Amino acid sequence: MEENMKLEERLINCALPLAEGRTVADVRIGLGYTCVMLDDGACGLAYTFRNELGHVCGVLNDAGSLIGQKAAEVIPYAEHKSRVRAAVGLATLNAAVNNDPNLICDGGNIVDALDIKESDTFGMVGQFGPILAYARRRTQNIYVFERNPAKGGSLYPEDAIPDYLPKCDVVVVTATSIINHTADGVLSQCKSAREVCVVGPSTPLCKEAFADYHVTTLAGSLVQDQKKALETVSQGGGTMNLRPFVRQVLVKMP
């Protein structure tokens, strides 16, 4: 792929051939996640930025007509500046990519795969409680970045990423950075890290798209029970609510 191509473009190019002939069968935009199911039963998830939707950007003009659309027409939404439209695009993209019959992955949680040494500096972009708890048991050198951290807290604002993330040996990056289009900037700061992991149910399990980003592990989720996942998303469910209906998987990069 072209070096100047953004991550969202790379992902779209990977997904379009896999989505050929597929149409959207169901769309749920919940408070915690967005879920899209294709006509072959494949489901994909993406985080819903409910606090950043606003009164206008949170409305889809084509609401009511998404079902039946070609998946290849919806997947490019992943590049859109609207957070809700980007989430629909990424969820559709994930339905295609994460259900690729040629995908090779291992079951497991990213915590089990992380190798954090006491001397390491650990960085996390987007706070994941269980991962952070594990990291704190391994090292005292930790930087956690959030977009809008509380004043006086221990979290660092995202504008501090260029100052501290390049110092980290192990980095965990939330896949929601794809939805808000910050992934390229964040991953560009991780070139000196020994391990770089992209994590969360929004993660596209596409080695080809991440090949030039120094990413070592993709940690995502495969929807196992489509009906229950769709219902849970519709009812405002989050990561913990979805856990019984998905399988956590790891894809190791070459």
Protein backbone atom coordinates (compact mmCIF):
# COMPACT_ATOMS: atom_id res chain seq x y z
CA MET A 1 0.00 0.00 0.00
CA GLU A 2 1.09 3.60 -0.57
CA GLU A 3 3.15 5.03 2.29
CA ASN A 4 1.15 8.27 2.46
CA MET A 5 -2.18 6.44 2.72
CA LYS A 6 -3.95 6.93 6.05
CA LEU A 7 -4.94 3.98 8.20
CA GLU A 8 -8.64 4.38 7.47
CA GLU A 9 -7.93 4.22 3.72
CA ARG A 10 -5.79 1.11 4.17
CA LEU A 11 -8.52 -0.60 6.16
CA ILE A 12 -11.19 0.29 3.62
CA ASN A 13 -9.06 -1.11 0.80
CA CYS A 14 -8.62 -4.35 2.75
CA ALA A 15 -12.32 -4.66 3.52
CA LEU A 16 -13.91 -3.88 0.15
CA PRO A 17 -12.92 -7.15 -1.59
CA LEU A 18 -14.18 -9.13 1.42
CA ALA A 19 -17.49 -7.25 1.34
CA GLU A 20 -18.16 -7.88 -2.33
CA GLY A 21 -21.75 -9.03 -2.86
CA ARG A 22 -22.69 -8.44 0.78
CA THR A 23 -25.48 -6.12 1.95
CA VAL A 24 -26.33 -4.61 5.33
CA ALA A 25 -28.94 -6.68 7.16
CA ASP A 26 -29.13 -4.81 10.46
CA VAL A 27 -27.71 -1.68 12.10
CA ARG A 28 -27.86 -0.77 15.78
CA ILE A 29 -26.36 2.48 17.09
CA GLY A 30 -26.34 2.15 20.85
CA LEU A 31 -25.02 4.27 23.70
CA GLY A 32 -21.95 2.08 24.14
CA TYR A 33 -21.37 0.46 20.76
CA THR A 34 -22.54 0.38 17.18
CA CYS A 35 -23.20 -3.04 15.66
CA VAL A 36 -23.69 -3.92 11.99
CA MET A 37 -24.74 -7.31 10.69
CA LEU A 38 -24.36 -8.30 7.03
CA ASP A 39 -26.69 -10.54 5.08
CA ASP A 40 -24.43 -13.55 5.65
CA GLY A 41 -24.73 -13.14 9.45
CA ALA A 42 -21.29 -11.60 9.93
CA CYS A 43 -21.31 -8.94 12.66
CA GLY A 44 -18.91 -6.12 13.47
CA LEU A 45 -18.64 -3.71 16.38
CA ALA A 46 -17.38 -0.15 16.81
CA TYR A 47 -17.42 2.21 19.77
CA THR A 48 -20.08 4.93 19.90
CA PHE A 49 -18.64 8.33 20.88
CA ARG A 50 -21.88 9.36 22.55
CA ASN A 51 -20.29 12.35 24.28
CA GLU A 52 -19.00 13.79 21.00
CA LEU A 53 -22.01 13.40 18.72
CA GLY A 54 -23.62 16.79 19.25
CA HIS A 55 -27.14 17.69 18.15
CA VAL A 56 -26.48 17.63 14.41
CA CYS A 57 -23.50 15.32 13.88
CA GLY A 58 -25.26 12.55 15.79
CA VAL A 59 -28.02 12.36 13.19
CA LEU A 60 -27.73 10.19 10.08
CA ASN A 61 -29.50 11.65 7.08
CA ASP A 62 -29.82 8.18 5.56
CA ALA A 63 -31.28 6.62 8.70
CA GLY A 64 -34.03 4.21 7.71
CA SER A 65 -32.34 3.30 4.44
CA LEU A 66 -29.10 1.67 5.63
CA ILE A 67 -30.56 -1.82 5.71
CA GLY A 68 -30.29 -3.30 2.25
CA GLN A 69 -27.43 -1.04 1.19
CA LYS A 70 -24.34 -2.64 -0.27
CA ALA A 71 -21.69 -3.12 2.41
CA ALA A 72 -19.14 -1.69 -0.02
CA GLU A 73 -21.07 1.60 0.01
CA VAL A 74 -21.18 1.82 3.82
CA ILE A 75 -17.60 0.76 4.65
CA PRO A 76 -16.12 4.08 3.34
CA TYR A 77 -18.10 5.87 6.08
CA ALA A 78 -15.13 4.88 8.28
CA GLU A 79 -13.31 7.95 6.93
CA HIS A 80 -16.15 10.36 7.73
CA LYS A 81 -15.66 13.22 10.20
CA SER A 82 -19.03 12.44 11.80
CA ARG A 83 -18.34 10.12 14.74
CA VAL A 84 -21.58 8.19 14.34
CA ARG A 85 -21.13 7.72 10.59
CA ALA A 86 -17.50 6.67 11.12
CA ALA A 87 -18.66 4.13 13.72
CA VAL A 88 -21.20 2.65 11.30
CA GLY A 89 -18.50 2.45 8.65
CA LEU A 90 -15.99 0.77 10.97
CA ALA A 91 -18.56 -1.69 12.32
CA THR A 92 -19.44 -2.67 8.74
CA LEU A 93 -15.74 -2.90 7.88
CA ASN A 94 -15.16 -5.12 10.93
CA ALA A 95 -18.05 -7.37 9.95
CA ALA A 96 -16.22 -8.07 6.69
CA VAL A 97 -12.59 -8.14 7.87
CA ASN A 98 -13.00 -9.93 11.20
CA ASN A 99 -15.05 -12.70 9.62
CA ASP A 100 -12.59 -13.36 6.81
CA PRO A 101 -12.41 -17.18 6.54
CA ASN A 102 -8.64 -16.86 6.02
CA LEU A 103 -8.12 -14.95 9.28
CA ILE A 104 -5.69 -16.70 11.61
CA CYS A 105 -6.10 -15.71 15.25
CA ASP A 106 -5.75 -17.11 18.75
CA GLY A 107 -8.27 -16.90 21.52
CA GLY A 108 -7.12 -14.88 24.49
CA ASN A 109 -7.00 -11.59 26.32
CA ILE A 110 -4.36 -8.97 25.62
CA VAL A 111 -3.34 -9.03 29.29
CA ASP A 112 -2.13 -12.60 28.81
CA ALA A 113 -0.05 -11.57 25.81
CA LEU A 114 1.63 -8.43 27.18
CA ASP A 115 5.25 -8.74 28.22
CA ILE A 116 5.91 -5.85 30.61
CA LYS A 117 9.18 -5.85 32.53
CA GLU A 118 9.86 -3.93 35.74
CA SER A 119 12.30 -1.68 33.91
CA ASP A 120 9.83 -0.93 31.10
CA THR A 121 7.92 2.28 30.58
CA PHE A 122 4.30 1.48 29.76
CA GLY A 123 2.03 3.77 27.75
CA MET A 124 -1.71 3.52 27.22
CA VAL A 125 -3.79 5.69 24.89
CA GLY A 126 -7.35 5.33 26.12
CA GLN A 127 -7.85 3.88 29.59
CA PHE A 128 -8.59 0.15 29.93
CA GLY A 129 -9.01 -0.71 33.63
CA PRO A 130 -7.94 -4.39 33.60
CA ILE A 131 -4.90 -3.69 31.39
CA LEU A 132 -3.85 -0.76 33.56
CA ALA A 133 -4.20 -2.85 36.73
CA TYR A 134 -1.97 -5.52 35.20
CA ALA A 135 0.61 -2.94 34.09
CA ARG A 136 0.77 -1.42 37.58
CA ARG A 137 1.69 -4.82 39.00
CA ARG A 138 4.60 -5.05 36.58
CA THR A 139 6.11 -1.55 36.45
CA GLN A 140 5.92 1.84 38.12
CA ASN A 141 6.74 3.74 34.93
CA ILE A 142 3.32 4.40 33.39
CA TYR A 143 1.75 7.06 31.21
CA VAL A 144 -1.99 6.95 30.48
CA PHE A 145 -3.45 9.41 27.97
CA GLU A 146 -7.08 10.46 27.64
CA ARG A 147 -8.71 13.05 25.43
CA ASN A 148 -10.34 14.97 28.28
CA PRO A 149 -8.70 13.90 31.56
CA ALA A 150 -10.04 15.22 34.85
CA LYS A 151 -8.03 18.08 36.29
CA GLY A 152 -5.72 17.02 39.08
CA GLY A 153 -5.87 13.35 38.09
CA SER A 154 -3.07 11.01 37.09
CA LEU A 155 -4.01 10.91 33.40
CA TYR A 156 -2.19 12.88 30.71
CA PRO A 157 -3.99 14.91 28.00
CA GLU A 158 -3.61 13.79 24.40
CA ASP A 159 -1.48 16.82 23.55
CA ALA A 160 1.20 15.33 25.85
CA ILE A 161 1.50 12.22 23.68
CA PRO A 162 4.46 13.50 21.59
CA ASP A 163 6.39 14.26 24.80
CA TYR A 164 5.97 10.92 26.56
CA LEU A 165 4.76 8.15 24.25
CA PRO A 166 8.08 7.88 22.33
CA LYS A 167 9.73 6.99 25.66
CA CYS A 168 7.50 3.93 26.16
CA ASP A 169 8.70 0.35 25.66
CA VAL A 170 5.22 -1.21 25.62
CA VAL A 171 2.19 0.67 24.29
CA VAL A 172 -1.53 -0.14 24.22
CA VAL A 173 -3.67 1.96 21.88
CA THR A 174 -7.46 1.89 21.80
CA ALA A 175 -8.97 1.12 18.40
CA THR A 176 -11.42 3.97 18.97
CA SER A 177 -8.59 6.15 17.67
CA ILE A 178 -9.60 4.91 14.21
CA ILE A 179 -13.08 6.36 14.67
CA ASN A 180 -11.89 9.79 15.78
CA HIS A 181 -9.08 9.70 13.19
CA THR A 182 -6.19 10.07 15.62
CA ALA A 183 -4.67 6.62 15.02
CA ASP A 184 -2.03 7.74 12.53
CA GLY A 185 -0.74 10.45 14.82
CA VAL A 186 -0.67 8.19 17.87
CA LEU A 187 0.97 5.21 16.18
CA SER A 188 3.63 7.45 14.64
CA GLN A 189 4.85 8.15 18.19
CA CYS A 190 5.37 4.44 18.98
CA LYS A 191 8.26 3.62 16.67
CA SER A 192 10.75 2.96 19.48
CA ALA A 193 8.41 0.66 21.45
CA ARG A 194 9.11 -3.05 21.68
CA GLU A 195 5.40 -3.89 21.73
CA VAL A 196 2.52 -1.90 20.26
CA CYS A 197 -0.96 -3.35 20.74
CA VAL A 198 -4.21 -2.07 19.22
CA VAL A 199 -7.06 -3.21 21.46
CA GLY A 200 -10.82 -3.22 21.97
CA PRO A 201 -13.97 -4.51 20.26
CA SER A 202 -13.51 -1.82 17.57
CA THR A 203 -10.23 -3.40 16.40
CA PRO A 204 -10.08 -4.46 12.73
CA LEU A 205 -8.10 -7.72 12.58
CA CYS A 206 -6.32 -6.79 9.37
CA LYS A 207 -2.56 -7.42 9.31
CA GLU A 208 -2.11 -5.83 5.90
CA ALA A 209 -3.50 -2.45 6.95
CA PHE A 210 -1.29 -2.22 10.07
CA ALA A 211 1.86 -3.59 8.44
CA ASP A 212 3.69 -0.23 8.31
CA TYR A 213 2.74 0.98 11.79
CA HIS A 214 5.11 -0.97 14.05
CA VAL A 215 2.08 -2.71 15.56
CA THR A 216 2.88 -6.10 17.08
CA THR A 217 -0.55 -7.33 18.23
CA LEU A 218 -4.18 -6.73 17.27
CA ALA A 219 -6.56 -7.61 20.11
CA GLY A 220 -10.20 -7.60 19.06
CA SER A 221 -13.52 -9.39 19.41
CA LEU A 222 -15.45 -11.76 17.18
CA VAL A 223 -19.23 -11.71 17.58
CA GLN A 224 -20.42 -15.25 18.35
CA ASP A 225 -24.10 -14.63 19.09
CA GLN A 226 -25.37 -12.08 16.58
CA LYS A 227 -28.91 -11.84 17.96
CA LYS A 228 -27.82 -11.19 21.53
CA ALA A 229 -25.06 -8.80 20.49
CA LEU A 230 -27.51 -6.72 18.46
CA GLU A 231 -30.02 -6.68 21.31
CA THR A 232 -27.36 -5.73 23.86
CA VAL A 233 -26.10 -2.84 21.75
CA SER A 234 -29.68 -1.61 21.18
CA GLN A 235 -30.28 -1.61 24.93
CA GLY A 236 -27.26 0.59 25.67
CA GLY A 237 -24.86 -2.20 26.61
CA GLY A 238 -21.12 -1.71 26.94
CA THR A 239 -18.06 -3.95 26.84
CA MET A 240 -18.97 -6.02 29.90
CA ASN A 241 -22.54 -6.57 28.69
CA LEU A 242 -21.27 -7.81 25.33
CA ARG A 243 -18.63 -10.15 26.76
CA PRO A 244 -20.85 -13.31 26.87
CA PHE A 245 -21.65 -12.90 23.16
CA VAL A 246 -18.17 -12.28 21.74
CA ARG A 247 -14.84 -14.11 21.69
CA GLN A 248 -11.69 -12.16 22.48
CA VAL A 249 -8.94 -12.93 20.00
CA LEU A 250 -5.33 -11.97 19.31
CA VAL A 251 -3.65 -11.54 15.97
CA LYS A 252 0.14 -11.44 16.13
CA MET A 253 1.82 -9.30 13.52
CA PRO A 254 4.88 -10.67 11.69
